[in-house]
Each structure stands twice: as C-alpha cells, then as structure tokens.
Protein backbone atom coordinates (compact mmCIF):
# COMPACT_ATOMS: atom_id res chain seq x y z
CA HIS A 1 -93.13 -16.43 -113.09
CA PRO A 2 -91.62 -19.23 -115.20
CA SER A 3 -88.30 -17.55 -115.93
CA LEU A 4 -85.28 -18.05 -113.75
CA THR A 5 -82.05 -16.29 -114.57
CA ARG A 6 -79.07 -17.85 -112.85
CA TYR A 7 -75.77 -16.06 -112.71
CA VAL A 8 -72.91 -18.35 -113.65
CA PRO A 9 -69.69 -16.35 -113.54
CA SER A 10 -67.73 -16.23 -116.75
CA GLU A 11 -63.96 -16.09 -116.83
CA THR A 12 -62.84 -12.45 -116.70
CA GLU A 13 -59.33 -12.82 -118.12
CA ALA A 14 -58.25 -14.13 -121.51
CA VAL A 15 -54.83 -14.59 -123.07
CA GLN A 16 -54.09 -12.88 -126.37
CA GLY A 17 -54.50 -15.28 -129.31
CA SER A 18 -56.67 -17.74 -127.38
CA ARG A 19 -60.36 -18.67 -127.60
CA MET A 20 -62.62 -17.20 -124.91
CA LYS A 21 -66.09 -18.48 -123.98
CA LEU A 22 -68.36 -15.71 -122.71
CA MET A 23 -70.81 -17.53 -120.41
CA CYS A 24 -74.46 -16.54 -120.37
CA ILE A 25 -76.98 -18.88 -118.73
CA SER A 26 -80.70 -18.11 -118.69
CA CYS A 27 -82.67 -20.99 -117.23
CA MET A 28 -86.39 -21.66 -117.34
CA LYS A 29 -88.04 -23.39 -114.36
CA ARG A 30 -90.38 -25.45 -116.50
CA GLU A 31 -89.14 -27.03 -119.71
CA GLU A 32 -92.67 -27.74 -120.97
CA VAL A 33 -93.37 -24.00 -121.29
CA LEU A 34 -92.94 -22.82 -124.87
CA ALA A 35 -91.08 -19.56 -125.36
CA ASN A 36 -89.62 -17.43 -128.12
CA THR A 37 -86.10 -16.50 -127.08
CA ILE A 38 -84.09 -13.62 -128.53
CA VAL A 39 -80.45 -13.21 -127.51
CA LYS A 40 -78.38 -10.11 -128.26
CA TRP A 41 -74.71 -9.70 -127.41
CA PHE A 42 -73.08 -6.27 -127.12
CA TYR A 43 -69.49 -5.11 -126.68
CA LYS A 44 -68.43 -1.85 -125.07
CA PRO A 45 -64.75 -0.85 -125.19
CA GLU A 46 -63.29 1.21 -122.34
CA GLY A 47 -64.79 4.69 -122.66
CA GLY A 48 -66.72 3.73 -125.81
CA GLN A 49 -70.28 2.98 -126.89
CA ASP A 50 -72.16 -0.34 -126.91
CA VAL A 51 -71.85 -2.14 -130.25
CA ALA A 52 -74.16 -5.05 -131.16
CA ILE A 53 -71.95 -8.01 -132.13
CA TYR A 54 -74.20 -11.10 -132.20
CA GLU A 55 -77.88 -11.98 -132.33
CA PHE A 56 -79.90 -15.16 -132.05
CA ASN A 57 -83.55 -14.95 -133.11
CA ASN A 58 -84.43 -18.45 -134.38
CA GLU A 59 -81.08 -18.43 -136.21
CA LYS A 60 -77.49 -17.44 -135.45
CA ARG A 61 -76.44 -14.09 -136.86
CA GLU A 62 -73.05 -12.47 -136.49
CA LEU A 63 -73.42 -8.70 -136.85
CA GLU A 64 -71.05 -6.33 -138.62
CA SER A 65 -68.45 -5.39 -136.01
CA PRO A 66 -64.72 -5.64 -135.27
CA PHE A 67 -65.46 -9.24 -134.17
CA GLN A 68 -66.84 -10.36 -137.53
CA GLY A 69 -65.51 -13.82 -138.41
CA ARG A 70 -64.27 -14.41 -134.84
CA LEU A 71 -67.54 -15.19 -133.02
CA GLU A 72 -68.99 -18.66 -132.51
CA TRP A 73 -72.35 -19.64 -130.99
CA ASN A 74 -71.84 -21.88 -127.94
CA GLY A 75 -75.46 -22.03 -126.80
CA SER A 76 -77.58 -25.09 -126.18
CA ALA A 77 -80.56 -26.23 -128.26
CA ASP A 78 -82.96 -25.60 -125.36
CA MET A 79 -81.79 -21.95 -125.16
CA GLN A 80 -80.80 -22.24 -121.48
CA ASP A 81 -77.11 -21.69 -122.31
CA VAL A 82 -76.80 -18.74 -124.70
CA SER A 83 -73.01 -18.31 -124.56
CA ILE A 84 -70.71 -17.26 -127.40
CA SER A 85 -66.98 -17.68 -127.95
CA VAL A 86 -64.55 -15.09 -129.26
CA LEU A 87 -61.81 -16.67 -131.36
CA ASN A 88 -58.25 -15.35 -131.61
CA ILE A 89 -58.65 -12.79 -128.77
CA SER A 90 -56.71 -9.55 -129.30
CA MET A 91 -55.66 -6.84 -126.84
CA ASN A 92 -58.41 -4.61 -128.32
CA ASP A 93 -61.08 -7.09 -127.13
CA SER A 94 -60.83 -5.95 -123.48
CA GLY A 95 -64.05 -4.31 -122.33
CA ILE A 96 -67.58 -5.04 -121.18
CA TYR A 97 -69.69 -7.69 -122.90
CA THR A 98 -73.45 -7.73 -122.33
CA CYS A 99 -75.75 -10.67 -122.96
CA ASN A 100 -79.42 -9.62 -123.23
CA VAL A 101 -82.00 -12.41 -123.18
CA THR A 102 -85.65 -11.69 -123.98
CA ARG A 103 -88.20 -14.48 -123.57
CA GLU A 104 -91.80 -14.32 -124.68
CA PHE A 105 -93.70 -17.15 -123.01
CA LEU A 106 -96.45 -18.66 -125.14
CA PHE A 107 -99.36 -19.36 -122.79
CA GLU A 108 -102.90 -19.86 -124.10
CA THR A 109 -104.32 -16.77 -122.39
CA HIS A 110 -101.39 -14.37 -122.29
CA ARG A 111 -97.81 -13.88 -123.51
CA PRO A 112 -95.62 -12.34 -120.80
CA ILE A 113 -92.17 -11.08 -121.77
CA PHE A 114 -89.17 -11.31 -119.43
CA THR A 115 -85.71 -9.90 -120.02
CA SER A 116 -82.40 -10.46 -118.28
CA SER A 117 -78.87 -9.14 -118.76
CA THR A 118 -75.45 -10.49 -117.89
CA LEU A 119 -72.36 -8.26 -117.85
CA ILE A 120 -68.86 -9.64 -118.33
CA HIS A 121 -65.84 -7.41 -117.71
CA LEU A 122 -63.09 -8.97 -119.83
CA THR A 123 -59.39 -8.17 -119.55
CA VAL A 124 -57.02 -9.49 -122.22
CA LEU A 125 -53.48 -10.37 -121.11
CA LYS A 126 -50.41 -10.67 -123.35
CA GLU A 127 -49.49 -13.98 -121.72
CA ALA A 128 -50.97 -16.27 -119.10
CA GLY A 129 -50.22 -15.38 -115.51
CA ARG A 130 -49.13 -17.96 -112.97
CA ASP A 131 -52.13 -19.64 -111.36
CA LEU A 132 -51.97 -19.24 -107.57
CA THR A 133 -53.46 -22.69 -106.95
CA ALA A 134 -50.84 -24.33 -109.19
CA LEU A 135 -48.07 -22.43 -107.39
CA ILE A 136 -49.32 -23.50 -103.93
CA SER A 137 -49.68 -27.10 -105.15
CA ALA A 138 -46.09 -27.12 -106.44
CA ILE A 139 -44.76 -25.72 -103.14
CA MET A 140 -46.73 -28.32 -101.13
CA MET A 141 -45.42 -31.09 -103.39
CA TYR A 142 -41.79 -30.04 -102.78
CA ILE A 143 -42.35 -29.76 -99.01
CA LEU A 144 -43.86 -33.25 -98.97
CA LEU A 145 -40.98 -34.59 -101.08
CA VAL A 146 -38.37 -33.13 -98.67
CA PHE A 147 -40.29 -34.46 -95.64
CA LEU A 148 -40.57 -37.98 -97.08
CA THR A 149 -36.87 -38.01 -98.05
CA LEU A 150 -35.84 -36.97 -94.51
CA TRP A 151 -38.17 -39.57 -92.98
CA LEU A 152 -36.68 -42.28 -95.21
CA LEU A 153 -33.14 -41.20 -94.27
CA ILE A 154 -33.97 -41.29 -90.53
CA GLU A 155 -35.55 -44.76 -90.91
CA MET A 156 -32.46 -46.03 -92.74
CA ILE A 157 -30.13 -44.73 -89.99
CA TYR A 158 -32.38 -46.23 -87.27
CA CYS A 159 -32.47 -49.63 -89.01
CA TYR A 160 -28.69 -49.56 -89.60
CA ARG A 161 -28.03 -48.88 -85.88
CA LYS A 162 -30.48 -51.59 -84.83
CA VAL A 163 -28.82 -54.17 -87.12
CA SER A 164 -25.33 -53.08 -85.92
CA LYS A 165 -26.33 -53.49 -82.25
CA ALA A 166 -27.85 -56.90 -83.00
CA GLU A 167 -24.62 -58.01 -84.73
CA GLU A 168 -22.48 -56.72 -81.80
CA ALA A 169 -24.69 -58.58 -79.32
CA ALA A 170 -24.43 -61.75 -81.43
CA GLN A 171 -20.61 -61.46 -81.55
CA GLU A 172 -20.36 -60.92 -77.76
CA ASN A 173 -22.53 -63.98 -77.12
CA ALA A 174 -20.51 -66.10 -79.53
C-alpha cells in the first residue's frame, strides 16, 4: 500500500487577528508513483454542521463560506503537505477543521483509492497567553544571575582579605 499518512500535530490555539496555519501532511512512501490527489477542507463550529471551505483538485479553489477571502493554500507542489492558512483569525473561527485527502494511484493494472482525514480542534484566544517555557526560562535566568552575582561578591571579599593579610604580613616583616 503506497500511501502513508503521518500525523503532524497542528497548533490548536490561535490569537485573534493573527494568521493560523492548519497543518495537514499526507505522505506517499514512493515518490515515483503517480497519483491524482484531491484535498477538501471543512469547518464545523461548536454545535454546528460541517461546511466545505476549501478544495484542491488540480487547482486551488476557495469555496463560498464565512472564510472567503481569508484562506491561503500552504501546500507543497508534491502534494505531501496539503495545509492551508486562515488569515485574520476571528473569535468565530474556533471549532473543528477537517482535512480530507483522497489519492487515486495510477498503476498500469489497477487504480486503488486511499483516503485519510486529519481533525484540528482550534481555539481562538483574544490575546496570547504566557508561554510556560518562556516563563521557566526567565525564572532560571534570574536565579543564575543572582547566583553569579553572589559568587562574584564572595570572590571579591575573599581576594580582599587575602591581599589585606599579605600586606599585614609584609608590614610585620619590614
């Protein structure tokens, strides 16, 4: 079976007004295999119905939806990456996005069809939250700064005392 769908997690949170890439990767094991690839993107608001928002079938086609004019194809020419981006994200864009990939492999004797789906649960935030990794990094930086300052202070006191004792010893011997 020449198709291999790999799950590459997409971001699940977006900030209002930003650009959000919805990741969808559908790899093929063998690049030399020819295939017709059809990609369909759907959006389902909380408690609502699936709405088709984008389609790629030999050409990019944005469908009539609340996203019209705000979608951008981010896929690769080899149709392994079939991602799209939503521009100017709004609070109403929270929901479930589905990427359906259908591949018809063009072998001489037969034409098998394989399909795969990727679901992305997107939450839109009014403003960016504090990144936990950045917070921990900042705390570690301040701890290191305090430690190095104390170490430098202790070294200065130690050196001062050593020099003072050496001067006292030199004066007693003189």
